[in-house]
Each structure stands twice: as structure tokens, then as C-alpha cells.
N, C-alpha and C. Protein backbone atom coordinates (compact mmCIF):
# COMPACT_ATOMS: atom_id res chain seq x y z
N MET A 1 106.75 116.31 194.91
CA MET A 1 107.37 117.18 193.95
C MET A 1 106.28 117.96 193.22
N SER A 2 106.41 119.26 193.18
CA SER A 2 105.41 120.07 192.50
C SER A 2 105.82 120.28 191.04
N VAL A 3 104.83 120.36 190.19
CA VAL A 3 105.08 120.58 188.78
C VAL A 3 104.96 122.08 188.51
N THR A 4 106.01 122.66 187.97
CA THR A 4 106.01 124.07 187.64
C THR A 4 105.77 124.22 186.15
N ILE A 5 104.79 125.04 185.80
CA ILE A 5 104.51 125.28 184.40
C ILE A 5 105.48 126.35 183.90
N CYS A 6 106.16 126.05 182.84
CA CYS A 6 107.16 126.96 182.27
C CYS A 6 106.48 127.87 181.26
N PRO A 7 106.49 129.19 181.50
CA PRO A 7 105.84 130.11 180.57
C PRO A 7 106.70 130.45 179.35
N VAL A 8 107.95 130.00 179.35
CA VAL A 8 108.86 130.33 178.25
C VAL A 8 108.43 129.57 176.99
N PRO A 9 108.31 130.25 175.85
CA PRO A 9 107.98 129.54 174.61
C PRO A 9 109.00 128.43 174.33
N PRO A 10 108.56 127.31 173.78
CA PRO A 10 109.45 126.16 173.60
C PRO A 10 110.74 126.47 172.84
N ASP A 11 110.68 127.31 171.81
CA ASP A 11 111.89 127.60 171.05
C ASP A 11 112.87 128.51 171.78
N GLN A 12 112.46 129.10 172.91
CA GLN A 12 113.34 129.97 173.68
C GLN A 12 113.82 129.32 174.98
N ARG A 13 113.42 128.08 175.22
CA ARG A 13 113.88 127.38 176.41
C ARG A 13 115.33 126.94 176.21
N PRO A 14 116.18 127.17 177.21
CA PRO A 14 117.60 126.84 177.04
C PRO A 14 117.86 125.38 176.67
N ILE A 15 117.12 124.45 177.23
CA ILE A 15 117.35 123.04 176.91
C ILE A 15 117.02 122.76 175.45
N ASN A 16 115.98 123.40 174.93
CA ASN A 16 115.63 123.22 173.52
C ASN A 16 116.64 123.91 172.60
N GLU A 17 117.18 125.05 173.05
CA GLU A 17 118.23 125.71 172.27
C GLU A 17 119.48 124.82 172.22
N PHE A 18 119.78 124.18 173.33
CA PHE A 18 120.92 123.26 173.39
C PHE A 18 120.72 122.09 172.43
N GLN A 19 119.53 121.49 172.46
CA GLN A 19 119.25 120.36 171.57
C GLN A 19 119.27 120.79 170.11
N ALA A 20 118.78 122.00 169.83
CA ALA A 20 118.82 122.50 168.46
C ALA A 20 120.25 122.68 167.97
N LEU A 21 121.13 123.16 168.85
CA LEU A 21 122.54 123.31 168.46
C LEU A 21 123.16 121.95 168.20
N GLN A 22 122.88 120.98 169.06
CA GLN A 22 123.44 119.64 168.88
C GLN A 22 123.01 119.02 167.55
N GLU A 23 121.76 119.28 167.16
CA GLU A 23 121.22 118.67 165.96
C GLU A 23 121.52 119.45 164.69
N SER A 24 121.96 120.70 164.83
CA SER A 24 122.22 121.52 163.64
C SER A 24 123.48 121.04 162.93
N TRP A 25 123.51 121.26 161.63
CA TRP A 25 124.65 120.82 160.84
C TRP A 25 125.92 121.56 161.25
N PHE A 26 125.84 122.87 161.37
CA PHE A 26 127.04 123.68 161.63
C PHE A 26 127.58 123.47 163.04
N PHE A 27 126.73 123.59 164.04
CA PHE A 27 127.19 123.47 165.42
C PHE A 27 127.37 122.01 165.84
N GLY A 28 126.67 121.11 165.20
CA GLY A 28 126.72 119.70 165.59
C GLY A 28 128.06 119.04 165.37
N TRP A 29 128.80 119.45 164.34
CA TRP A 29 130.07 118.77 164.10
C TRP A 29 131.12 119.10 165.15
N SER A 30 130.90 120.17 165.92
CA SER A 30 131.86 120.46 166.99
C SER A 30 131.68 119.52 168.18
N THR A 31 130.62 118.72 168.17
CA THR A 31 130.40 117.75 169.25
C THR A 31 130.90 116.36 168.87
N THR A 32 131.39 116.20 167.65
CA THR A 32 131.79 114.87 167.18
C THR A 32 133.13 114.46 167.77
N GLY A 33 133.51 113.23 167.49
CA GLY A 33 134.79 112.72 167.97
C GLY A 33 135.96 113.44 167.33
N ASP A 34 137.14 113.15 167.84
CA ASP A 34 138.33 113.87 167.40
C ASP A 34 138.60 113.77 165.91
N TRP A 35 138.51 112.56 165.36
CA TRP A 35 138.85 112.38 163.95
C TRP A 35 137.93 113.19 163.05
N LYS A 36 136.64 113.11 163.28
CA LYS A 36 135.69 113.85 162.44
C LYS A 36 135.84 115.36 162.65
N PHE A 37 136.06 115.77 163.88
CA PHE A 37 136.26 117.20 164.18
C PHE A 37 137.46 117.75 163.43
N TRP A 38 138.59 117.06 163.50
CA TRP A 38 139.80 117.56 162.84
C TRP A 38 139.70 117.46 161.33
N ARG A 39 138.92 116.53 160.82
CA ARG A 39 138.69 116.46 159.37
C ARG A 39 137.93 117.70 158.91
N TRP A 40 136.91 118.10 159.69
CA TRP A 40 136.18 119.32 159.37
C TRP A 40 137.09 120.54 159.46
N MET A 41 137.94 120.56 160.48
CA MET A 41 138.85 121.70 160.64
C MET A 41 139.79 121.80 159.43
N LEU A 42 140.30 120.68 158.97
CA LEU A 42 141.18 120.68 157.81
C LEU A 42 140.43 121.18 156.57
N LEU A 43 139.22 120.70 156.37
CA LEU A 43 138.43 121.14 155.23
C LEU A 43 138.16 122.64 155.31
N LEU A 44 137.82 123.12 156.50
CA LEU A 44 137.55 124.54 156.67
C LEU A 44 138.81 125.39 156.64
N TRP A 45 139.97 124.77 156.64
CA TRP A 45 141.22 125.50 156.44
C TRP A 45 141.62 125.48 154.97
N VAL A 46 141.41 124.35 154.29
CA VAL A 46 141.83 124.22 152.89
C VAL A 46 140.99 125.12 151.98
N LEU A 47 139.69 125.19 152.21
CA LEU A 47 138.84 126.01 151.34
C LEU A 47 139.25 127.48 151.34
N PRO A 48 139.44 128.12 152.49
CA PRO A 48 139.93 129.51 152.45
C PRO A 48 141.36 129.63 151.91
N TRP A 49 142.16 128.57 152.07
CA TRP A 49 143.52 128.61 151.52
C TRP A 49 143.47 128.73 150.00
N LEU A 50 142.46 128.09 149.38
CA LEU A 50 142.32 128.18 147.93
C LEU A 50 142.03 129.62 147.49
N ILE A 51 141.47 130.41 148.36
CA ILE A 51 141.22 131.82 148.06
C ILE A 51 142.42 132.68 148.46
N SER A 52 143.02 132.39 149.60
CA SER A 52 144.13 133.22 150.07
C SER A 52 145.42 132.96 149.29
N ALA A 53 145.58 131.80 148.69
CA ALA A 53 146.80 131.50 147.93
C ALA A 53 146.97 132.42 146.72
N PRO A 54 145.94 132.63 145.89
CA PRO A 54 146.13 133.57 144.78
C PRO A 54 146.40 135.01 145.26
N VAL A 55 145.79 135.39 146.37
CA VAL A 55 146.04 136.73 146.91
C VAL A 55 147.50 136.83 147.37
N ALA A 56 147.98 135.80 148.05
CA ALA A 56 149.38 135.79 148.49
C ALA A 56 150.32 135.74 147.29
N ALA A 57 149.93 135.01 146.25
CA ALA A 57 150.79 134.90 145.07
C ALA A 57 150.91 136.23 144.34
N SER A 58 149.89 137.07 144.43
CA SER A 58 149.99 138.37 143.76
C SER A 58 151.00 139.28 144.45
N SER A 59 151.21 139.09 145.74
CA SER A 59 152.19 139.90 146.47
C SER A 59 153.56 139.23 146.55
N PHE A 60 153.55 137.92 146.70
CA PHE A 60 154.80 137.16 146.85
C PHE A 60 154.77 135.99 145.88
N PRO A 61 155.27 136.18 144.66
CA PRO A 61 155.23 135.10 143.67
C PRO A 61 155.95 133.84 144.18
N TRP A 62 155.38 132.71 143.84
CA TRP A 62 155.91 131.42 144.29
C TRP A 62 157.36 131.23 143.84
N GLU A 63 157.67 131.68 142.64
CA GLU A 63 159.01 131.48 142.10
C GLU A 63 160.06 132.29 142.87
N ASP A 64 159.69 133.47 143.34
CA ASP A 64 160.65 134.35 144.02
C ASP A 64 160.69 134.14 145.53
N TYR A 65 159.53 133.95 146.13
CA TYR A 65 159.42 133.87 147.60
C TYR A 65 158.57 132.67 148.01
N PRO A 66 159.04 131.44 147.82
CA PRO A 66 158.17 130.29 148.11
C PRO A 66 157.76 130.18 149.57
N LEU A 67 158.68 130.42 150.49
CA LEU A 67 158.34 130.28 151.91
C LEU A 67 157.40 131.39 152.37
N ILE A 68 157.65 132.60 151.93
CA ILE A 68 156.78 133.71 152.31
C ILE A 68 155.39 133.53 151.71
N PHE A 69 155.33 133.03 150.47
CA PHE A 69 154.04 132.74 149.85
C PHE A 69 153.25 131.74 150.68
N LEU A 70 153.90 130.64 151.07
CA LEU A 70 153.21 129.61 151.87
C LEU A 70 152.76 130.16 153.22
N LEU A 71 153.60 130.96 153.86
CA LEU A 71 153.25 131.51 155.18
C LEU A 71 152.09 132.49 155.09
N THR A 72 152.09 133.36 154.10
CA THR A 72 151.00 134.34 154.00
C THR A 72 149.69 133.68 153.56
N ALA A 73 149.77 132.70 152.67
CA ALA A 73 148.55 131.98 152.28
C ALA A 73 147.97 131.22 153.47
N ALA A 74 148.84 130.60 154.25
CA ALA A 74 148.38 129.87 155.44
C ALA A 74 147.80 130.83 156.48
N ALA A 75 148.41 131.99 156.64
CA ALA A 75 147.89 132.97 157.60
C ALA A 75 146.50 133.45 157.18
N GLY A 76 146.29 133.64 155.89
CA GLY A 76 144.96 134.03 155.41
C GLY A 76 143.92 132.96 155.67
N ALA A 77 144.30 131.70 155.45
CA ALA A 77 143.39 130.59 155.74
C ALA A 77 143.12 130.48 157.23
N ASN A 78 144.14 130.76 158.04
CA ASN A 78 143.96 130.71 159.50
C ASN A 78 142.97 131.76 159.98
N VAL A 79 143.01 132.94 159.39
CA VAL A 79 142.07 133.99 159.79
C VAL A 79 140.64 133.55 159.50
N ALA A 80 140.42 132.99 158.31
CA ALA A 80 139.07 132.53 157.97
C ALA A 80 138.62 131.40 158.89
N LEU A 81 139.51 130.46 159.17
CA LEU A 81 139.18 129.35 160.07
C LEU A 81 138.88 129.86 161.47
N SER A 82 139.65 130.83 161.92
CA SER A 82 139.42 131.36 163.27
C SER A 82 138.06 132.03 163.38
N LEU A 83 137.58 132.65 162.31
CA LEU A 83 136.24 133.25 162.34
C LEU A 83 135.16 132.18 162.48
N VAL A 84 135.33 131.07 161.80
CA VAL A 84 134.37 129.97 161.91
C VAL A 84 134.39 129.39 163.32
N VAL A 85 135.57 129.15 163.86
CA VAL A 85 135.68 128.59 165.21
C VAL A 85 135.15 129.58 166.24
N LEU A 86 135.40 130.86 166.03
CA LEU A 86 134.87 131.88 166.94
C LEU A 86 133.34 131.87 166.94
N ARG A 87 132.74 131.70 165.76
CA ARG A 87 131.27 131.62 165.69
C ARG A 87 130.76 130.41 166.45
N LEU A 88 131.43 129.29 166.32
CA LEU A 88 131.05 128.09 167.08
C LEU A 88 131.17 128.35 168.58
N TYR A 89 132.27 128.95 168.98
CA TYR A 89 132.52 129.23 170.40
C TYR A 89 131.44 130.16 170.96
N LEU A 90 131.11 131.20 170.23
CA LEU A 90 130.10 132.15 170.72
C LEU A 90 128.72 131.51 170.80
N GLY A 91 128.37 130.66 169.84
CA GLY A 91 127.07 129.99 169.88
C GLY A 91 126.95 129.05 171.06
N TRP A 92 127.97 128.22 171.28
CA TRP A 92 127.94 127.31 172.42
C TRP A 92 128.04 128.06 173.73
N GLY A 93 128.79 129.15 173.76
CA GLY A 93 128.90 129.95 174.98
C GLY A 93 127.57 130.59 175.36
N TYR A 94 126.83 131.07 174.36
CA TYR A 94 125.52 131.67 174.62
C TYR A 94 124.57 130.65 175.22
N VAL A 95 124.50 129.49 174.62
CA VAL A 95 123.60 128.46 175.14
C VAL A 95 124.05 128.00 176.52
N GLY A 96 125.35 127.90 176.73
CA GLY A 96 125.86 127.53 178.04
C GLY A 96 125.48 128.54 179.11
N GLN A 97 125.55 129.82 178.78
CA GLN A 97 125.14 130.86 179.74
C GLN A 97 123.66 130.77 180.05
N ARG A 98 122.84 130.51 179.03
CA ARG A 98 121.39 130.40 179.26
C ARG A 98 121.06 129.17 180.10
N LEU A 99 121.78 128.09 179.88
CA LEU A 99 121.54 126.90 180.70
C LEU A 99 122.01 127.12 182.13
N TRP A 100 123.12 127.80 182.33
CA TRP A 100 123.70 127.98 183.66
C TRP A 100 122.91 128.98 184.50
N GLY A 101 122.28 129.95 183.87
CA GLY A 101 121.61 131.02 184.59
C GLY A 101 120.41 130.55 185.39
N GLU A 102 120.14 131.27 186.49
CA GLU A 102 119.00 130.94 187.34
C GLU A 102 117.68 131.44 186.76
N THR A 103 117.74 132.47 185.94
CA THR A 103 116.53 132.99 185.31
C THR A 103 116.68 132.90 183.79
N VAL A 104 115.54 132.76 183.14
CA VAL A 104 115.50 132.71 181.68
C VAL A 104 114.80 133.97 181.20
N ILE A 105 115.50 134.75 180.39
CA ILE A 105 114.92 135.95 179.79
C ILE A 105 114.33 135.52 178.45
N TYR A 106 113.10 135.93 178.19
CA TYR A 106 112.45 135.51 176.95
C TYR A 106 111.49 136.59 176.47
N GLU A 107 111.10 136.48 175.21
CA GLU A 107 110.11 137.38 174.60
C GLU A 107 108.82 136.59 174.44
N GLU A 108 107.78 137.10 175.07
CA GLU A 108 106.52 136.36 175.06
C GLU A 108 105.77 136.54 173.75
N THR A 109 105.73 137.77 173.25
CA THR A 109 104.92 138.03 172.06
C THR A 109 105.76 138.40 170.85
N GLY A 110 107.05 138.59 171.03
CA GLY A 110 107.89 139.03 169.93
C GLY A 110 107.93 140.53 169.78
N TRP A 111 107.30 141.25 170.70
CA TRP A 111 107.27 142.71 170.64
C TRP A 111 108.20 143.32 171.68
N TYR A 112 109.28 142.66 171.95
CA TYR A 112 110.30 143.16 172.89
C TYR A 112 109.72 143.43 174.27
N ASP A 113 108.87 142.53 174.72
CA ASP A 113 108.27 142.65 176.05
C ASP A 113 109.04 141.73 177.00
N CYS A 114 110.26 142.02 177.21
CA CYS A 114 111.18 141.17 177.97
C CYS A 114 110.54 140.64 179.25
N GLN A 115 110.51 139.33 179.38
CA GLN A 115 109.99 138.66 180.56
C GLN A 115 111.12 137.82 181.17
N ALA A 116 111.00 137.53 182.44
CA ALA A 116 111.98 136.69 183.13
C ALA A 116 111.25 135.59 183.88
N TRP A 117 111.83 134.40 183.84
CA TRP A 117 111.26 133.25 184.54
C TRP A 117 112.35 132.60 185.36
N GLU A 118 112.09 132.40 186.62
CA GLU A 118 113.04 131.77 187.54
C GLU A 118 112.92 130.25 187.40
N LYS A 119 114.04 129.59 187.14
CA LYS A 119 114.03 128.14 187.00
C LYS A 119 113.83 127.49 188.36
N PRO A 120 113.04 126.42 188.41
CA PRO A 120 112.95 125.66 189.66
C PRO A 120 114.29 124.96 189.94
N PRO A 121 114.58 124.65 191.20
CA PRO A 121 115.89 124.06 191.55
C PRO A 121 116.21 122.77 190.79
N GLU A 122 115.21 121.93 190.53
CA GLU A 122 115.47 120.67 189.82
C GLU A 122 115.93 120.95 188.39
N GLU A 123 115.25 121.87 187.73
CA GLU A 123 115.62 122.19 186.35
C GLU A 123 116.98 122.89 186.29
N LEU A 124 117.24 123.76 187.26
CA LEU A 124 118.53 124.45 187.32
C LEU A 124 119.66 123.44 187.50
N ALA A 125 119.46 122.46 188.37
CA ALA A 125 120.49 121.44 188.59
C ALA A 125 120.72 120.62 187.32
N LYS A 126 119.64 120.25 186.64
CA LYS A 126 119.76 119.47 185.40
C LYS A 126 120.49 120.28 184.33
N ASP A 127 120.12 121.55 184.18
CA ASP A 127 120.77 122.40 183.18
C ASP A 127 122.25 122.59 183.48
N ARG A 128 122.59 122.74 184.75
CA ARG A 128 124.00 122.94 185.11
C ARG A 128 124.82 121.67 184.90
N LEU A 129 124.19 120.51 185.06
CA LEU A 129 124.88 119.26 184.73
C LEU A 129 125.18 119.19 183.23
N ILE A 130 124.22 119.63 182.42
CA ILE A 130 124.43 119.64 180.97
C ILE A 130 125.60 120.56 180.62
N VAL A 131 125.64 121.73 181.25
CA VAL A 131 126.74 122.66 180.98
C VAL A 131 128.07 122.03 181.40
N THR A 132 128.10 121.45 182.59
CA THR A 132 129.35 120.90 183.11
C THR A 132 129.88 119.75 182.27
N TYR A 133 129.01 118.84 181.84
CA TYR A 133 129.48 117.62 181.19
C TYR A 133 129.36 117.62 179.67
N GLN A 134 128.63 118.57 179.10
CA GLN A 134 128.49 118.56 177.64
C GLN A 134 128.96 119.87 177.00
N VAL A 135 128.54 121.01 177.53
CA VAL A 135 128.88 122.28 176.89
C VAL A 135 130.31 122.70 177.22
N SER A 136 130.72 122.57 178.46
CA SER A 136 132.07 123.01 178.85
C SER A 136 133.19 122.29 178.09
N PRO A 137 133.11 120.96 177.88
CA PRO A 137 134.16 120.32 177.08
C PRO A 137 134.23 120.85 175.64
N ILE A 138 133.07 121.16 175.07
CA ILE A 138 133.05 121.72 173.71
C ILE A 138 133.73 123.08 173.71
N LEU A 139 133.36 123.92 174.69
CA LEU A 139 133.96 125.25 174.79
C LEU A 139 135.47 125.17 175.03
N LYS A 140 135.88 124.21 175.84
CA LYS A 140 137.31 124.04 176.11
C LYS A 140 138.06 123.69 174.84
N ARG A 141 137.52 122.73 174.07
CA ARG A 141 138.19 122.33 172.84
C ARG A 141 138.23 123.47 171.83
N LEU A 142 137.11 124.19 171.67
CA LEU A 142 137.08 125.30 170.73
C LEU A 142 138.02 126.42 171.17
N GLY A 143 138.09 126.68 172.46
CA GLY A 143 139.01 127.69 172.97
C GLY A 143 140.45 127.32 172.71
N GLN A 144 140.79 126.05 172.90
CA GLN A 144 142.15 125.59 172.63
C GLN A 144 142.49 125.70 171.15
N VAL A 145 141.50 125.39 170.30
CA VAL A 145 141.73 125.52 168.86
C VAL A 145 141.95 126.98 168.49
N LEU A 146 141.15 127.87 169.06
CA LEU A 146 141.34 129.30 168.78
C LEU A 146 142.72 129.78 169.22
N LEU A 147 143.14 129.38 170.40
CA LEU A 147 144.48 129.76 170.86
C LEU A 147 145.57 129.18 169.96
N GLY A 148 145.38 127.95 169.53
CA GLY A 148 146.36 127.33 168.63
C GLY A 148 146.43 128.06 167.29
N ILE A 149 145.28 128.38 166.73
CA ILE A 149 145.26 129.11 165.46
C ILE A 149 145.92 130.47 165.62
N GLY A 150 145.61 131.14 166.73
CA GLY A 150 146.21 132.45 166.98
C GLY A 150 147.72 132.37 167.11
N GLY A 151 148.20 131.36 167.84
CA GLY A 151 149.64 131.20 168.00
C GLY A 151 150.35 130.90 166.69
N VAL A 152 149.76 130.01 165.90
CA VAL A 152 150.36 129.66 164.61
C VAL A 152 150.35 130.88 163.69
N THR A 153 149.25 131.62 163.67
CA THR A 153 149.16 132.80 162.80
C THR A 153 150.18 133.86 163.19
N LEU A 154 150.32 134.11 164.49
CA LEU A 154 151.32 135.08 164.93
C LEU A 154 152.73 134.62 164.58
N THR A 155 152.99 133.33 164.68
CA THR A 155 154.29 132.80 164.29
C THR A 155 154.53 132.99 162.80
N GLU A 156 153.50 132.71 162.00
CA GLU A 156 153.64 132.90 160.55
C GLU A 156 153.91 134.37 160.21
N ILE A 157 153.18 135.26 160.84
CA ILE A 157 153.39 136.69 160.58
C ILE A 157 154.79 137.12 161.01
N GLY A 158 155.23 136.63 162.16
CA GLY A 158 156.58 136.95 162.62
C GLY A 158 157.64 136.45 161.66
N LEU A 159 157.46 135.24 161.14
CA LEU A 159 158.42 134.70 160.18
C LEU A 159 158.42 135.50 158.88
N VAL A 160 157.25 135.93 158.43
CA VAL A 160 157.18 136.74 157.21
C VAL A 160 157.92 138.05 157.42
N ILE A 161 157.70 138.69 158.55
CA ILE A 161 158.39 139.95 158.84
C ILE A 161 159.90 139.73 158.91
N TRP A 162 160.31 138.63 159.49
CA TRP A 162 161.73 138.34 159.64
C TRP A 162 162.38 137.97 158.30
N LEU A 163 161.64 137.21 157.46
CA LEU A 163 162.21 136.72 156.21
C LEU A 163 162.13 137.71 155.05
N TYR A 164 161.16 138.60 155.09
CA TYR A 164 160.96 139.49 153.94
C TYR A 164 162.09 140.50 153.87
N PRO A 165 162.71 140.64 152.69
CA PRO A 165 163.87 141.54 152.57
C PRO A 165 163.50 143.01 152.69
């Protein structure tokens, strides 16, 4: 087996980017078990709801339109939550693409001197295993959450349109 020297700077290597995402506070919680993941999702929904509720109350007072108030406040919180989940999805998707690719594009000096390095077959196989067994399940879960949030939000908007006099 020959040893190939990797010219890519350590912070731009896909495997190191993957490990940095796993260890980061923001991206790391999307790798946790179901209970902790859904607890974070609830927290990230409640905090924007505290902001969207007064906005909804200014248009639909609780005393006059309780159901419409709840639906519009929840829709506002859903939009904020979907932006957070979208950021998670895009971050994991980027790292997954870099791990899956046969070549690594990198900046050697930071002066936009785009370089490309072809991964050796052993490293490519290892990176693709990481994508298949670690990154893809995360992307699948985040994608399902995004679809769920979108479906619930569209339902809420439809109900508001239907219920509003």
C-alpha cells in the first residue's frame, strides 16, 4: 500500500470538516438520539413562538379570534424553525458532497488559487462509507422534519384562510 501525501490544508479536508460539524454545538445536536433531538426542536419552536405570538395578537386578538391567533403564531414559529433546520440540512449536505466527491477543491494560500486533489481509492471508499452510514441518515431526518414543518405550516395557513371572516 502506498502512502499518498494529501496537499489539502487540514481545516479544508472533508473528513476534518465532518468531525468539526459533529463536535460543533449547533450541528452536533442534529446527530443526537431522538429524545434530545426533539427536545431541541421544541425549544427552537417555542422561542420564536414567543416573538410571533405578540405579532399575531396585534392582527388577531386572542379574545376575538383564539383559533386564528394560535394558528398564525404557530405558523410564524414554524417559519423560524424551518430556517434553522434548513441551515442544518445545508451544512450537512455540503460536507456530505465533499466527502462523496472524488476530488477535493481547496484554497492553498487563501488567495483564491483554486486547487484540486484527487482522493486515493482507499480514502474515497472510507469517505463514502461515512456519507452512507452517518451523513445520509442525518440528512434524511432533517429532510423529513423540513417536509413536516412545511406541511403543517401550509395546513395552518389554509385553516386561517378558511376560518377568517
